[in-house]
């Protein structure tokens, strides 16, 4: 009985290790991602770039996925790399098996993004699906 319990614990540990190291495929595939100044009426990115002028208030991270399960939970984690600051974790659910969408980083009224380097990671639990960098100059 104790030997069976140990086998179960070892199997669970091995499975979790394989998932976290990427040896087992995640339940979603990010096929594309872009940083942009906006999103149009069809939810597609506008003015795709990785360098933005000072005075920028909002940045969009557009992404496309496939092979997803409805309600898969994704986190967009935004960083201000210049000062090693984690700005925001935004959690959302994928509404269908494949498609595209976006998340944004926006400053409050009267404020703009500080000049420097930024990064956004799209994560499934701790598994990084996509990582994008950009600068405000």
N, C-alpha and C. Protein backbone atom coordinates (compact mmCIF):
# COMPACT_ATOMS: atom_id res chain seq x y z
N UNK A 1 0.82 -1.20 0.00
CA UNK A 1 0.00 0.00 0.00
C UNK A 1 0.87 1.26 0.00
N UNK A 2 1.90 1.28 0.85
CA UNK A 2 2.79 2.44 0.90
C UNK A 2 3.56 2.55 -0.41
N UNK A 3 3.97 1.42 -0.97
CA UNK A 3 4.69 1.43 -2.25
C UNK A 3 3.82 2.01 -3.35
N UNK A 4 2.52 1.69 -3.36
CA UNK A 4 1.60 2.25 -4.35
C UNK A 4 1.47 3.76 -4.20
N UNK A 5 1.39 4.23 -2.98
CA UNK A 5 1.30 5.68 -2.72
C UNK A 5 2.55 6.39 -3.22
N UNK A 6 3.70 5.78 -3.01
CA UNK A 6 4.95 6.38 -3.49
C UNK A 6 4.97 6.44 -5.01
N UNK A 7 4.48 5.39 -5.66
CA UNK A 7 4.43 5.37 -7.12
C UNK A 7 3.54 6.49 -7.64
N UNK A 8 2.41 6.69 -7.00
CA UNK A 8 1.48 7.76 -7.41
C UNK A 8 2.15 9.12 -7.23
N UNK A 9 2.80 9.34 -6.09
CA UNK A 9 3.47 10.61 -5.84
C UNK A 9 4.57 10.85 -6.86
N UNK A 10 5.35 9.82 -7.17
CA UNK A 10 6.42 9.95 -8.17
C UNK A 10 5.83 10.25 -9.54
N UNK A 11 4.74 9.59 -9.91
CA UNK A 11 4.10 9.84 -11.22
C UNK A 11 3.57 11.27 -11.30
N UNK A 12 2.94 11.76 -10.25
CA UNK A 12 2.42 13.13 -10.23
C UNK A 12 3.59 14.11 -10.34
N UNK A 13 4.66 13.88 -9.58
CA UNK A 13 5.83 14.75 -9.62
C UNK A 13 6.43 14.77 -11.03
N UNK A 14 6.56 13.61 -11.65
CA UNK A 14 7.11 13.52 -13.00
C UNK A 14 6.23 14.26 -14.01
N UNK A 15 4.92 14.09 -13.93
CA UNK A 15 4.00 14.77 -14.82
C UNK A 15 4.12 16.28 -14.68
N UNK A 16 4.09 16.78 -13.45
CA UNK A 16 4.20 18.23 -13.22
C UNK A 16 5.54 18.74 -13.76
N UNK A 17 6.60 18.02 -13.53
CA UNK A 17 7.91 18.42 -14.03
C UNK A 17 7.92 18.48 -15.55
N UNK A 18 7.33 17.49 -16.22
CA UNK A 18 7.28 17.49 -17.68
C UNK A 18 6.45 18.65 -18.22
N UNK A 19 5.34 18.96 -17.58
CA UNK A 19 4.51 20.09 -18.01
C UNK A 19 5.28 21.39 -17.85
N UNK A 20 5.89 21.59 -16.69
CA UNK A 20 6.58 22.85 -16.41
C UNK A 20 7.82 23.04 -17.28
N UNK A 21 8.46 21.98 -17.70
CA UNK A 21 9.66 22.11 -18.55
C UNK A 21 9.31 22.10 -20.03
N UNK A 22 8.03 21.97 -20.36
CA UNK A 22 7.61 22.05 -21.76
C UNK A 22 7.71 20.74 -22.52
N UNK A 23 7.96 19.64 -21.84
CA UNK A 23 8.06 18.35 -22.52
C UNK A 23 6.68 17.81 -22.91
N UNK A 24 5.64 18.29 -22.26
CA UNK A 24 4.27 17.93 -22.64
C UNK A 24 3.65 19.19 -23.22
N UNK A 25 3.05 19.08 -24.37
CA UNK A 25 2.47 20.24 -25.04
C UNK A 25 1.42 20.92 -24.18
N UNK A 26 1.39 22.25 -24.28
CA UNK A 26 0.36 23.00 -23.57
C UNK A 26 -0.95 22.88 -24.32
N UNK A 27 -2.07 23.15 -23.65
CA UNK A 27 -3.37 23.01 -24.30
C UNK A 27 -3.72 24.18 -25.21
N UNK A 28 -2.74 24.99 -25.60
CA UNK A 28 -2.97 26.09 -26.52
C UNK A 28 -1.64 26.42 -27.20
N UNK A 29 -1.72 26.88 -28.44
CA UNK A 29 -0.52 27.29 -29.17
C UNK A 29 -0.70 28.73 -29.61
N UNK A 30 0.22 29.59 -29.20
CA UNK A 30 0.23 30.98 -29.68
C UNK A 30 0.96 30.98 -31.01
N UNK A 31 0.24 31.32 -32.07
CA UNK A 31 0.82 31.27 -33.41
C UNK A 31 1.44 32.60 -33.83
N UNK A 32 1.04 33.70 -33.20
CA UNK A 32 1.57 35.01 -33.58
C UNK A 32 1.29 35.99 -32.44
N UNK A 33 2.12 37.00 -32.34
CA UNK A 33 1.90 38.07 -31.37
C UNK A 33 2.65 39.30 -31.85
N UNK A 34 2.06 40.47 -31.61
CA UNK A 34 2.63 41.73 -32.07
C UNK A 34 2.33 42.83 -31.05
N UNK A 35 3.21 43.81 -30.99
CA UNK A 35 2.99 45.01 -30.20
C UNK A 35 2.53 46.10 -31.16
N UNK A 36 1.50 46.86 -30.79
CA UNK A 36 0.92 47.85 -31.70
C UNK A 36 0.41 49.07 -30.93
N UNK A 37 0.11 50.12 -31.70
CA UNK A 37 -0.44 51.34 -31.10
C UNK A 37 -1.95 51.24 -30.90
N UNK A 38 -2.59 50.32 -31.61
CA UNK A 38 -4.05 50.20 -31.49
C UNK A 38 -4.57 48.91 -32.07
N UNK A 39 -5.88 48.76 -31.97
CA UNK A 39 -6.60 47.60 -32.50
C UNK A 39 -7.77 48.14 -33.30
N UNK A 40 -7.97 47.64 -34.53
CA UNK A 40 -9.06 48.15 -35.36
C UNK A 40 -10.39 47.45 -35.04
N UNK A 41 -11.42 47.79 -35.83
CA UNK A 41 -12.77 47.26 -35.58
C UNK A 41 -12.87 45.75 -35.79
N UNK A 42 -11.90 45.15 -36.51
CA UNK A 42 -11.87 43.70 -36.69
C UNK A 42 -10.94 43.03 -35.67
N UNK A 43 -10.53 43.79 -34.66
CA UNK A 43 -9.63 43.34 -33.60
C UNK A 43 -8.24 42.97 -34.11
N UNK A 44 -7.81 43.63 -35.20
CA UNK A 44 -6.48 43.42 -35.75
C UNK A 44 -5.57 44.58 -35.35
N UNK A 45 -4.26 44.32 -35.20
CA UNK A 45 -3.35 45.38 -34.74
C UNK A 45 -3.14 46.47 -35.78
N UNK A 46 -2.99 47.69 -35.30
CA UNK A 46 -2.68 48.83 -36.17
C UNK A 46 -1.33 49.40 -35.72
N UNK A 47 -0.56 49.87 -36.68
CA UNK A 47 0.77 50.44 -36.43
C UNK A 47 1.62 49.51 -35.57
N UNK A 48 1.92 48.34 -36.12
CA UNK A 48 2.77 47.37 -35.44
C UNK A 48 4.21 47.90 -35.43
N UNK A 49 4.81 47.92 -34.24
CA UNK A 49 6.21 48.35 -34.10
C UNK A 49 6.73 47.94 -32.74
N UNK A 50 8.02 48.16 -32.53
CA UNK A 50 8.60 47.85 -31.24
C UNK A 50 9.29 49.06 -30.59
N UNK A 51 9.22 50.21 -31.26
CA UNK A 51 9.73 51.46 -30.69
C UNK A 51 8.63 52.50 -30.79
N UNK A 52 8.30 53.10 -29.63
CA UNK A 52 7.21 54.08 -29.53
C UNK A 52 7.77 55.40 -29.02
N UNK A 53 7.19 56.52 -29.45
CA UNK A 53 7.71 57.82 -29.02
C UNK A 53 7.33 58.13 -27.57
N UNK A 54 8.15 58.97 -26.93
CA UNK A 54 7.77 59.44 -25.59
C UNK A 54 6.42 60.12 -25.70
N UNK A 55 5.65 60.05 -24.67
CA UNK A 55 4.29 60.59 -24.70
C UNK A 55 3.25 59.52 -24.99
N UNK A 56 3.70 58.29 -25.27
CA UNK A 56 2.78 57.19 -25.53
C UNK A 56 2.02 56.85 -24.25
N UNK A 57 0.73 56.71 -24.37
CA UNK A 57 -0.12 56.43 -23.21
C UNK A 57 -0.55 54.96 -23.13
N UNK A 58 -0.77 54.33 -24.30
CA UNK A 58 -1.28 52.95 -24.34
C UNK A 58 -0.52 52.12 -25.36
N UNK A 59 -0.24 50.88 -24.98
CA UNK A 59 0.41 49.90 -25.86
C UNK A 59 -0.49 48.66 -25.89
N UNK A 60 -0.67 48.09 -27.07
CA UNK A 60 -1.48 46.88 -27.23
C UNK A 60 -0.59 45.68 -27.54
N UNK A 61 -0.92 44.56 -26.94
CA UNK A 61 -0.30 43.28 -27.28
C UNK A 61 -1.39 42.45 -27.96
N UNK A 62 -1.23 42.26 -29.26
CA UNK A 62 -2.18 41.47 -30.05
C UNK A 62 -1.61 40.06 -30.18
N UNK A 63 -2.46 39.05 -30.14
CA UNK A 63 -1.99 37.67 -30.24
C UNK A 63 -3.02 36.82 -30.97
N UNK A 64 -2.53 35.74 -31.53
CA UNK A 64 -3.37 34.78 -32.26
C UNK A 64 -3.05 33.39 -31.72
N UNK A 65 -4.09 32.56 -31.55
CA UNK A 65 -3.88 31.22 -31.00
C UNK A 65 -4.65 30.18 -31.79
N UNK A 66 -4.26 28.92 -31.56
CA UNK A 66 -4.99 27.77 -32.11
C UNK A 66 -4.88 26.63 -31.11
N UNK A 67 -5.65 25.59 -31.34
CA UNK A 67 -5.63 24.39 -30.49
C UNK A 67 -5.92 24.69 -29.03
N UNK A 68 -6.72 25.70 -28.78
CA UNK A 68 -7.05 26.05 -27.40
C UNK A 68 -8.28 25.33 -26.90
N UNK A 69 -8.42 25.28 -25.63
CA UNK A 69 -9.64 24.79 -25.01
C UNK A 69 -10.39 26.02 -24.51
N UNK A 70 -11.68 26.05 -24.72
CA UNK A 70 -12.50 27.17 -24.27
C UNK A 70 -12.28 27.38 -22.77
N UNK A 71 -12.12 28.62 -22.38
CA UNK A 71 -11.89 29.06 -21.00
C UNK A 71 -10.48 28.75 -20.47
N UNK A 72 -9.53 28.46 -21.38
CA UNK A 72 -8.14 28.33 -20.94
C UNK A 72 -7.71 29.67 -20.36
N UNK A 73 -7.14 29.65 -19.17
CA UNK A 73 -6.73 30.88 -18.48
C UNK A 73 -5.31 31.26 -18.89
N UNK A 74 -5.16 32.48 -19.38
CA UNK A 74 -3.88 33.03 -19.80
C UNK A 74 -3.60 34.27 -18.95
N UNK A 75 -2.31 34.54 -18.69
CA UNK A 75 -1.92 35.75 -17.98
C UNK A 75 -0.98 36.55 -18.87
N UNK A 76 -1.26 37.83 -19.01
CA UNK A 76 -0.33 38.75 -19.67
C UNK A 76 0.39 39.49 -18.55
N UNK A 77 1.70 39.31 -18.47
CA UNK A 77 2.50 39.97 -17.44
C UNK A 77 3.36 41.03 -18.12
N UNK A 78 3.16 42.28 -17.70
CA UNK A 78 3.87 43.43 -18.26
C UNK A 78 5.00 43.82 -17.31
N UNK A 79 6.17 44.12 -17.89
CA UNK A 79 7.36 44.52 -17.12
C UNK A 79 7.93 45.83 -17.65
N UNK A 80 8.43 46.66 -16.74
CA UNK A 80 9.27 47.80 -17.10
C UNK A 80 10.69 47.31 -16.86
N UNK A 81 11.32 46.83 -17.93
CA UNK A 81 12.61 46.16 -17.84
C UNK A 81 13.71 47.12 -17.36
N UNK A 82 13.64 48.37 -17.76
CA UNK A 82 14.66 49.35 -17.40
C UNK A 82 14.92 49.39 -15.89
N UNK A 83 13.86 49.36 -15.10
CA UNK A 83 14.00 49.41 -13.63
C UNK A 83 13.66 48.08 -12.97
N UNK A 84 13.55 47.00 -13.76
CA UNK A 84 13.24 45.67 -13.25
C UNK A 84 11.97 45.67 -12.38
N UNK A 85 10.88 46.23 -12.96
CA UNK A 85 9.61 46.34 -12.24
C UNK A 85 8.54 45.52 -12.97
N UNK A 86 7.87 44.67 -12.21
CA UNK A 86 6.70 43.95 -12.74
C UNK A 86 5.53 44.91 -12.59
N UNK A 87 4.96 45.33 -13.71
CA UNK A 87 3.92 46.37 -13.70
C UNK A 87 2.55 45.79 -13.40
N UNK A 88 2.19 44.74 -14.14
CA UNK A 88 0.81 44.28 -14.10
C UNK A 88 0.70 42.83 -14.55
N UNK A 89 -0.15 42.07 -13.86
CA UNK A 89 -0.56 40.74 -14.31
C UNK A 89 -2.03 40.84 -14.67
N UNK A 90 -2.35 40.59 -15.93
CA UNK A 90 -3.74 40.64 -16.38
C UNK A 90 -4.16 39.24 -16.78
N UNK A 91 -5.15 38.68 -16.09
CA UNK A 91 -5.62 37.32 -16.36
C UNK A 91 -6.90 37.37 -17.19
N UNK A 92 -6.98 36.47 -18.18
CA UNK A 92 -8.16 36.41 -19.03
C UNK A 92 -8.35 34.97 -19.50
N UNK A 93 -9.52 34.68 -20.04
CA UNK A 93 -9.85 33.34 -20.53
C UNK A 93 -10.03 33.38 -22.04
N UNK A 94 -9.52 32.36 -22.70
CA UNK A 94 -9.68 32.21 -24.16
C UNK A 94 -11.12 31.78 -24.43
N UNK A 95 -11.86 32.54 -25.28
CA UNK A 95 -13.28 32.25 -25.47
C UNK A 95 -13.62 31.16 -26.49
N UNK A 96 -12.63 30.73 -27.30
CA UNK A 96 -12.89 29.70 -28.30
C UNK A 96 -11.60 28.95 -28.64
N UNK A 97 -11.71 27.90 -29.45
CA UNK A 97 -10.57 27.04 -29.75
C UNK A 97 -9.46 27.74 -30.52
N UNK A 98 -9.83 28.67 -31.39
CA UNK A 98 -8.82 29.44 -32.12
C UNK A 98 -9.36 30.83 -32.40
N UNK A 99 -8.43 31.77 -32.57
CA UNK A 99 -8.84 33.14 -32.82
C UNK A 99 -7.72 34.11 -32.51
N UNK A 100 -8.11 35.36 -32.28
CA UNK A 100 -7.14 36.38 -31.93
C UNK A 100 -7.80 37.36 -30.98
N UNK A 101 -6.95 38.09 -30.28
CA UNK A 101 -7.42 39.07 -29.31
C UNK A 101 -6.28 39.98 -28.90
N UNK A 102 -6.53 40.79 -27.90
CA UNK A 102 -5.48 41.70 -27.45
C UNK A 102 -5.68 42.08 -25.99
N UNK A 103 -4.59 42.53 -25.40
CA UNK A 103 -4.60 43.13 -24.07
C UNK A 103 -3.80 44.42 -24.19
N UNK A 104 -4.02 45.34 -23.27
CA UNK A 104 -3.29 46.60 -23.37
C UNK A 104 -2.73 47.03 -22.02
N UNK A 105 -1.71 47.85 -22.11
CA UNK A 105 -1.12 48.52 -20.96
C UNK A 105 -1.41 49.99 -21.16
N UNK A 106 -2.14 50.59 -20.24
CA UNK A 106 -2.57 51.97 -20.40
C UNK A 106 -2.31 52.76 -19.13
N UNK A 107 -1.78 53.95 -19.30
CA UNK A 107 -1.51 54.83 -18.17
C UNK A 107 -2.77 55.61 -17.79
N UNK A 108 -2.87 56.06 -16.53
CA UNK A 108 -4.02 56.86 -16.11
C UNK A 108 -4.05 58.21 -16.82
N UNK A 109 -5.18 58.84 -16.76
CA UNK A 109 -5.39 60.16 -17.39
C UNK A 109 -4.28 61.13 -16.99
N UNK A 110 -3.70 61.78 -18.00
CA UNK A 110 -2.67 62.77 -17.76
C UNK A 110 -1.26 62.20 -17.61
N UNK A 111 -1.10 60.87 -17.68
CA UNK A 111 0.21 60.23 -17.54
C UNK A 111 0.59 59.52 -18.84
N UNK A 112 1.88 59.34 -19.04
CA UNK A 112 2.37 58.59 -20.20
C UNK A 112 3.35 57.52 -19.71
N UNK A 113 3.62 56.56 -20.57
CA UNK A 113 4.58 55.51 -20.23
C UNK A 113 5.97 56.12 -20.11
N UNK A 114 6.70 55.79 -19.05
CA UNK A 114 8.07 56.30 -18.92
C UNK A 114 8.97 55.79 -20.05
N UNK A 115 9.94 56.59 -20.41
CA UNK A 115 10.93 56.19 -21.41
C UNK A 115 11.70 55.00 -20.85
N UNK A 116 11.92 53.99 -21.69
CA UNK A 116 12.68 52.81 -21.28
C UNK A 116 12.26 51.57 -22.04
N UNK A 117 12.76 50.44 -21.57
CA UNK A 117 12.48 49.14 -22.19
C UNK A 117 11.39 48.40 -21.43
N UNK A 118 10.54 47.68 -22.18
CA UNK A 118 9.40 46.95 -21.63
C UNK A 118 9.37 45.54 -22.19
N UNK A 119 8.60 44.69 -21.51
CA UNK A 119 8.38 43.32 -21.98
C UNK A 119 6.98 42.90 -21.55
N UNK A 120 6.35 42.08 -22.38
CA UNK A 120 5.09 41.43 -22.00
C UNK A 120 5.23 39.94 -22.28
N UNK A 121 4.89 39.13 -21.28
CA UNK A 121 4.89 37.68 -21.42
C UNK A 121 3.45 37.18 -21.41
N UNK A 122 3.12 36.30 -22.33
CA UNK A 122 1.83 35.60 -22.32
C UNK A 122 2.09 34.23 -21.74
N UNK A 123 1.44 33.94 -20.62
CA UNK A 123 1.73 32.73 -19.84
C UNK A 123 0.51 31.85 -19.66
N UNK A 124 0.75 30.56 -19.69
CA UNK A 124 -0.24 29.56 -19.29
C UNK A 124 0.34 28.96 -18.01
N UNK A 125 -0.24 29.30 -16.88
CA UNK A 125 0.35 28.97 -15.58
C UNK A 125 1.74 29.59 -15.55
N UNK A 126 2.79 28.78 -15.47
CA UNK A 126 4.15 29.33 -15.50
C UNK A 126 4.83 29.09 -16.84
N UNK A 127 4.13 28.48 -17.79
CA UNK A 127 4.69 28.18 -19.11
C UNK A 127 4.57 29.41 -20.01
N UNK A 128 5.70 29.92 -20.50
CA UNK A 128 5.71 31.10 -21.36
C UNK A 128 5.30 30.70 -22.77
N UNK A 129 4.19 31.28 -23.25
CA UNK A 129 3.70 31.01 -24.60
C UNK A 129 4.34 31.95 -25.62
N UNK A 130 4.46 33.22 -25.27
CA UNK A 130 5.08 34.24 -26.12
C UNK A 130 5.67 35.32 -25.22
N UNK A 131 6.73 35.95 -25.69
CA UNK A 131 7.34 37.07 -24.99
C UNK A 131 7.69 38.12 -26.03
N UNK A 132 7.29 39.36 -25.78
CA UNK A 132 7.55 40.45 -26.71
C UNK A 132 8.22 41.60 -25.96
N UNK A 133 9.13 42.28 -26.64
CA UNK A 133 9.79 43.45 -26.04
C UNK A 133 9.51 44.68 -26.89
N UNK A 134 9.56 45.84 -26.24
CA UNK A 134 9.41 47.11 -26.95
C UNK A 134 10.05 48.21 -26.12
N UNK A 135 10.22 49.38 -26.74
CA UNK A 135 10.83 50.52 -26.08
C UNK A 135 9.98 51.76 -26.27
N UNK A 136 10.05 52.63 -25.29
CA UNK A 136 9.51 53.98 -25.41
C UNK A 136 10.73 54.89 -25.36
N UNK A 137 10.90 55.70 -26.41
CA UNK A 137 12.11 56.56 -26.50
C UNK A 137 11.76 58.03 -26.57
